[in-house]
């Protein structure tokens, strides 16, 4: 099988099936978070409440399936192909959430999700990150501090502002943490390949993954619980995650990207598409939140769109 044949025969179906798994799991998780008491951000009690829900436990299994399919897709296809396809999880999530709620799928939500997906695809295609190694050197500290500051600022914004702004802030923090976790897992994988099963336990990176990873997952559940719609939060998470990965690849691992003036202009346009998609999802999400709440208050939610 040729490389291109592997892309289309294995990588594309695996990525799309993985995205469908992520989307379905996210929609179910968001629905489950509405069935438990609202709990403060990063309070582990939220997970203790959710673990009592069989449907939520099943969704975790679906996430594992999605991760496995993502690994298969990345094994046969390049990152610039697989990551944009994984962003289609936003569309799958919106479709599944609409089906669960017996509501119509909102076209503007779909448009915003497509904006995020196309912008991410263009950005990765233009950047074409390559090279580097899986070792974290002292020069990684400035970017690590910057990502930490962004995460803290997002958490502060989430505690200060209500509505969709809070949801987006939580989702942005989740995306940052997911991106960091993926980078750390890449280092752990390289240590395993180099020294066997015992090697990762002799370094701090594995223990950082065990700390940071669950925090990201808990934040994602907080974001799902706070939002009326699944699409805005999931779009931010799935878009920010790979973008942080590219930044870490350059800042931590010494990867290189194409940086000609034409490419930089193209990346700027791609960034506008991503930001525009997120803004559109946020604005539409807030409008639909008010519409849903008004219909719920009068006991008539059947005509509201969903996403």
Protein backbone atom coordinates (compact mmCIF):
# COMPACT_ATOMS: atom_id res chain seq x y z
CA UNK A 1 0.00 0.00 0.00
CA UNK A 2 1.40 3.44 -0.93
CA UNK A 3 1.70 6.25 1.64
CA UNK A 4 -1.20 8.12 0.04
CA UNK A 5 -3.23 4.89 -0.02
CA UNK A 6 -2.59 4.47 3.70
CA UNK A 7 -3.89 7.96 4.30
CA UNK A 8 -7.22 7.35 2.64
CA UNK A 9 -7.71 3.65 3.38
CA UNK A 10 -6.75 3.72 7.07
CA UNK A 11 -5.91 7.18 8.45
CA UNK A 12 -9.01 9.04 7.23
CA UNK A 13 -11.61 6.44 8.35
CA UNK A 14 -9.80 5.96 11.69
CA UNK A 15 -9.66 9.72 12.30
CA UNK A 16 -13.33 10.20 11.43
CA UNK A 17 -14.44 7.24 13.56
CA UNK A 18 -12.26 8.59 16.39
CA UNK A 19 -13.86 12.01 16.00
CA UNK A 20 -17.33 10.42 16.07
CA UNK A 21 -16.37 8.57 19.27
CA UNK A 22 -15.07 11.76 20.90
CA UNK A 23 -18.15 13.70 19.80
CA UNK A 24 -20.62 11.13 21.07
CA UNK A 25 -18.75 10.77 24.38
CA UNK A 26 -18.60 14.54 24.86
CA UNK A 27 -22.33 14.95 24.22
CA UNK A 28 -23.13 12.18 26.71
CA UNK A 29 -20.72 13.60 29.28
CA UNK A 30 -22.23 17.05 28.98
CA UNK A 31 -25.70 15.59 29.50
CA UNK A 32 -24.48 13.61 32.52
CA UNK A 33 -22.92 16.70 34.12
CA UNK A 34 -26.37 18.32 34.11
CA UNK A 35 -27.69 15.48 36.26
CA UNK A 36 -25.33 16.11 39.17
CA UNK A 37 -25.00 19.15 41.46
CA UNK A 38 -23.00 22.11 40.15
CA UNK A 39 -19.58 21.94 41.78
CA UNK A 40 -16.68 24.39 41.95
CA UNK A 41 -14.01 24.30 39.25
CA UNK A 42 -11.32 21.62 39.74
CA UNK A 43 -13.17 20.08 42.67
CA UNK A 44 -12.68 16.28 42.32
CA UNK A 45 -16.10 15.73 43.89
CA UNK A 46 -17.57 16.32 40.43
CA UNK A 47 -15.94 13.11 39.21
CA UNK A 48 -17.15 11.25 42.30
CA UNK A 49 -20.68 12.35 41.45
CA UNK A 50 -20.32 11.43 37.77
CA UNK A 51 -18.82 8.01 38.36
CA UNK A 52 -22.18 6.96 39.82
CA UNK A 53 -23.78 7.50 36.40
CA UNK A 54 -23.51 4.35 34.24
CA UNK A 55 -23.95 6.38 31.06
CA UNK A 56 -20.99 8.58 32.02
CA UNK A 57 -18.82 5.52 32.68
CA UNK A 58 -19.80 4.18 29.26
CA UNK A 59 -18.75 7.50 27.70
CA UNK A 60 -15.28 7.14 29.24
CA UNK A 61 -14.99 3.79 27.46
CA UNK A 62 -15.99 5.54 24.23
CA UNK A 63 -13.21 8.09 24.79
CA UNK A 64 -10.72 5.22 25.10
CA UNK A 65 -11.98 3.85 21.77
CA UNK A 66 -11.55 7.30 20.23
CA UNK A 67 -8.00 7.62 21.55
CA UNK A 68 -7.12 4.20 20.14
CA UNK A 69 -8.47 5.19 16.73
CA UNK A 70 -6.51 8.46 16.93
CA UNK A 71 -3.30 6.49 17.51
CA UNK A 72 -4.09 4.33 14.47
CA UNK A 73 -4.79 7.40 12.35
CA UNK A 74 -1.53 9.07 13.39
CA UNK A 75 0.39 5.88 12.68
CA UNK A 76 -0.74 5.92 9.02
CA UNK A 77 -1.33 9.61 8.32
CA UNK A 78 0.44 12.92 9.01
CA UNK A 79 -0.58 15.24 11.82
CA UNK A 80 -1.72 17.93 9.38
CA UNK A 81 -4.30 15.45 8.01
CA UNK A 82 -5.43 13.77 11.23
CA UNK A 83 -5.84 16.75 13.58
CA UNK A 84 -8.29 18.73 11.38
CA UNK A 85 -10.34 15.56 10.89
CA UNK A 86 -10.48 15.08 14.67
CA UNK A 87 -11.98 18.57 14.99
CA UNK A 88 -15.06 17.16 13.23
CA UNK A 89 -15.86 15.76 16.69
CA UNK A 90 -17.54 19.15 17.25
CA UNK A 91 -20.03 18.40 14.49
CA UNK A 92 -20.59 14.84 15.69
CA UNK A 93 -21.13 16.14 19.24
CA UNK A 94 -23.62 18.77 18.10
CA UNK A 95 -25.52 16.19 16.05
CA UNK A 96 -25.61 13.70 18.92
CA UNK A 97 -26.61 16.37 21.46
CA UNK A 98 -29.45 17.47 19.21
CA UNK A 99 -30.60 13.86 18.87
CA UNK A 100 -30.49 13.30 22.63
CA UNK A 101 -32.45 16.49 23.28
CA UNK A 102 -34.93 15.91 20.41
CA UNK A 103 -34.06 19.31 18.95
CA UNK A 104 -32.99 20.69 15.60
CA UNK A 105 -29.30 21.11 14.76
CA UNK A 106 -28.43 24.81 14.53
CA UNK A 107 -26.87 25.83 11.20
CA UNK A 108 -24.88 28.72 12.67
CA UNK A 109 -23.29 26.35 15.18
CA UNK A 110 -22.29 24.10 12.27
CA UNK A 111 -20.83 27.11 10.43
CA UNK A 112 -18.76 28.09 13.47
CA UNK A 113 -17.46 24.54 13.85
CA UNK A 114 -16.50 24.43 10.16
CA UNK A 115 -14.65 27.73 10.60
CA UNK A 116 -12.56 26.25 13.42
CA UNK A 117 -11.87 23.08 11.45
CA UNK A 118 -10.88 24.80 8.20
CA UNK A 119 -8.72 27.35 10.03
CA UNK A 120 -6.86 24.63 11.93
CA UNK A 121 -6.38 22.57 8.76
CA UNK A 122 -4.94 25.57 6.91
CA UNK A 123 -2.66 26.51 9.81
CA UNK A 124 -1.15 23.03 10.12
CA UNK A 125 -0.85 22.61 6.37
CA UNK A 126 1.05 25.88 6.08
CA UNK A 127 3.24 25.42 9.17
CA UNK A 128 4.27 21.81 8.42
CA UNK A 129 6.14 21.26 11.71
CA UNK A 130 9.04 18.80 11.39
CA UNK A 131 12.23 17.62 13.07
CA UNK A 132 13.05 18.01 16.76
CA UNK A 133 13.49 15.42 19.51
CA UNK A 134 11.57 14.29 22.58
CA UNK A 135 13.72 15.87 25.31
CA UNK A 136 12.74 18.81 27.48
CA UNK A 137 15.62 21.25 28.00
CA UNK A 138 15.86 24.33 30.30
CA UNK A 139 14.85 26.59 27.40
CA UNK A 140 11.37 25.11 27.74
CA UNK A 141 10.77 27.09 30.94
CA UNK A 142 9.58 30.42 29.39
CA UNK A 143 6.88 28.73 27.29
CA UNK A 144 5.87 26.53 30.24
CA UNK A 145 5.47 29.65 32.39
CA UNK A 146 3.45 31.38 29.66
CA UNK A 147 1.10 28.41 29.31
CA UNK A 148 0.73 28.30 33.09
CA UNK A 149 -0.14 32.00 33.19
CA UNK A 150 -2.72 31.56 30.41
CA UNK A 151 -4.31 28.68 32.31
CA UNK A 152 -4.48 30.66 35.56
CA UNK A 153 -5.95 33.69 33.77
CA UNK A 154 -8.59 31.48 32.19
CA UNK A 155 -9.54 30.03 35.57
CA UNK A 156 -9.76 33.53 37.05
CA UNK A 157 -11.97 34.63 34.15
CA UNK A 158 -14.16 31.56 34.62
CA UNK A 159 -14.65 32.46 38.29
CA UNK A 160 -15.49 36.07 37.46
CA UNK A 161 -17.70 35.97 34.36
CA UNK A 162 -20.95 34.02 33.83
CA UNK A 163 -22.49 32.42 30.76
CA UNK A 164 -20.58 31.47 27.64
CA UNK A 165 -17.52 33.54 28.65
CA UNK A 166 -17.06 31.20 31.61
CA UNK A 167 -17.50 28.15 29.36
CA UNK A 168 -14.95 29.41 26.81
CA UNK A 169 -12.45 30.25 29.57
CA UNK A 170 -12.74 26.75 31.04
CA UNK A 171 -12.48 25.20 27.58
CA UNK A 172 -9.40 27.28 26.73
CA UNK A 173 -7.70 26.16 29.94
CA UNK A 174 -8.64 22.56 29.10
CA UNK A 175 -7.19 22.85 25.61
CA UNK A 176 -3.92 24.22 26.97
CA UNK A 177 -3.63 21.43 29.53
CA UNK A 178 -4.52 18.77 26.94
CA UNK A 179 -1.80 20.14 24.64
CA UNK A 180 0.77 20.04 27.45
CA UNK A 181 -0.33 16.53 28.42
CA UNK A 182 0.08 15.29 24.83
CA UNK A 183 3.60 16.75 24.69
CA UNK A 184 4.56 15.13 27.98
CA UNK A 185 3.14 11.80 26.81
CA UNK A 186 5.30 12.09 23.70
CA UNK A 187 8.36 12.34 25.98
CA UNK A 188 7.19 9.35 28.06
CA UNK A 189 6.73 7.31 24.87
CA UNK A 190 10.27 8.13 23.74
CA UNK A 191 11.64 7.12 27.14
CA UNK A 192 9.77 3.82 26.89
CA UNK A 193 11.17 3.14 23.43
CA UNK A 194 14.72 3.97 24.57
CA UNK A 195 14.85 2.19 27.93
CA UNK A 196 11.91 -0.16 28.25
CA UNK A 197 9.03 -0.25 30.70
CA UNK A 198 11.02 0.87 33.77
CA UNK A 199 12.70 3.90 32.18
CA UNK A 200 9.74 6.37 32.35
CA UNK A 201 9.37 5.77 36.11
CA UNK A 202 12.87 7.17 36.63
CA UNK A 203 11.92 10.61 35.28
CA UNK A 204 9.60 13.38 36.46
CA UNK A 205 7.66 13.56 33.18
CA UNK A 206 5.49 10.50 33.83
CA UNK A 207 4.44 11.84 37.22
CA UNK A 208 3.65 15.22 35.67
CA UNK A 209 1.36 13.45 33.18
CA UNK A 210 -0.41 11.68 36.06
CA UNK A 211 -1.03 15.08 37.69
CA UNK A 212 -1.76 17.32 34.71
CA UNK A 213 -3.85 14.86 32.65
CA UNK A 214 -6.63 14.32 35.23
CA UNK A 215 -6.77 18.09 35.86
CA UNK A 216 -7.48 18.63 32.16
CA UNK A 217 -10.19 15.98 32.13
CA UNK A 218 -11.81 17.47 35.24
CA UNK A 219 -11.76 20.93 33.66
CA UNK A 220 -13.45 19.54 30.55
CA UNK A 221 -16.28 18.20 32.71
CA UNK A 222 -16.56 21.61 34.41
CA UNK A 223 -16.81 23.26 30.98
CA UNK A 224 -19.49 20.80 29.85
CA UNK A 225 -21.47 21.33 33.05
CA UNK A 226 -21.43 25.12 32.75
CA UNK A 227 -22.47 25.27 29.09
CA UNK A 228 -25.96 24.84 27.72
CA UNK A 229 -24.49 23.75 24.38
CA UNK A 230 -21.68 21.30 23.68
CA UNK A 231 -20.27 22.95 20.53
CA UNK A 232 -18.55 26.12 21.87
CA UNK A 233 -16.58 24.31 24.58
CA UNK A 234 -15.62 21.34 22.43
CA UNK A 235 -14.60 23.56 19.50
CA UNK A 236 -12.20 25.51 21.71
CA UNK A 237 -10.75 22.38 23.31
CA UNK A 238 -10.17 20.50 20.05
CA UNK A 239 -8.69 23.56 18.33
CA UNK A 240 -6.44 24.84 21.11
CA UNK A 241 -5.01 21.39 21.90
CA UNK A 242 -3.09 20.91 18.60
CA UNK A 243 -2.11 24.59 18.41
CA UNK A 244 -0.49 24.34 21.83
CA UNK A 245 1.14 21.14 20.59
CA UNK A 246 2.72 23.04 17.68
CA UNK A 247 3.97 25.77 20.03
CA UNK A 248 5.45 23.17 22.37
CA UNK A 249 7.02 21.31 19.46
CA UNK A 250 8.86 24.49 18.50
CA UNK A 251 9.63 25.79 21.99
CA UNK A 252 10.42 22.51 23.76
CA UNK A 253 11.49 20.00 21.17
CA UNK A 254 13.19 22.23 18.61
CA UNK A 255 10.82 21.47 15.75
CA UNK A 256 10.91 23.75 12.74
CA UNK A 257 8.04 25.27 10.76
CA UNK A 258 7.80 27.01 7.42
CA UNK A 259 7.95 30.77 8.09
CA UNK A 260 8.11 32.56 4.76
CA UNK A 261 6.15 35.84 4.47
CA UNK A 262 3.47 34.19 2.33
CA UNK A 263 3.06 31.37 4.86
CA UNK A 264 2.86 33.82 7.76
CA UNK A 265 0.11 35.74 5.96
CA UNK A 266 -1.72 32.49 5.33
CA UNK A 267 -1.40 31.53 8.99
CA UNK A 268 -2.79 34.91 9.99
CA UNK A 269 -5.84 34.28 7.79
CA UNK A 270 -6.18 30.79 9.29
CA UNK A 271 -6.01 32.28 12.79
CA UNK A 272 -8.77 34.73 11.87
CA UNK A 273 -10.92 31.80 10.69
CA UNK A 274 -10.32 29.94 13.97
CA UNK A 275 -11.06 32.98 16.13
CA UNK A 276 -14.07 33.87 13.98
CA UNK A 277 -15.45 30.36 14.38
CA UNK A 278 -15.03 30.48 18.16
CA UNK A 279 -16.59 33.97 18.39
CA UNK A 280 -19.51 32.82 16.25
CA UNK A 281 -20.02 29.74 18.43
CA UNK A 282 -19.80 31.83 21.60
CA UNK A 283 -22.24 34.48 20.37
CA UNK A 284 -24.71 31.94 19.02
CA UNK A 285 -24.32 29.79 22.12
CA UNK A 286 -25.24 32.70 24.37
CA UNK A 287 -28.29 33.52 22.24
CA UNK A 288 -29.44 29.90 22.25
CA UNK A 289 -28.81 29.67 26.00
CA UNK A 290 -31.25 32.53 26.60
CA UNK A 291 -33.74 31.05 24.14
CA UNK A 292 -33.55 27.62 25.78
CA UNK A 293 -33.90 29.07 29.28
CA UNK A 294 -36.92 31.15 28.20
CA UNK A 295 -38.59 28.12 26.63
CA UNK A 296 -37.82 25.97 29.66
CA UNK A 297 -39.38 28.58 31.93
CA UNK A 298 -42.65 28.33 30.02
CA UNK A 299 -42.40 24.57 29.51
CA UNK A 300 -41.98 24.65 25.72
CA UNK A 301 -38.50 23.65 24.55
CA UNK A 302 -39.50 21.64 21.51
CA UNK A 303 -38.80 24.31 18.86
CA UNK A 304 -35.35 25.39 20.02
CA UNK A 305 -32.34 24.53 17.89
CA UNK A 306 -29.39 22.73 19.48
CA UNK A 307 -25.67 22.24 18.96
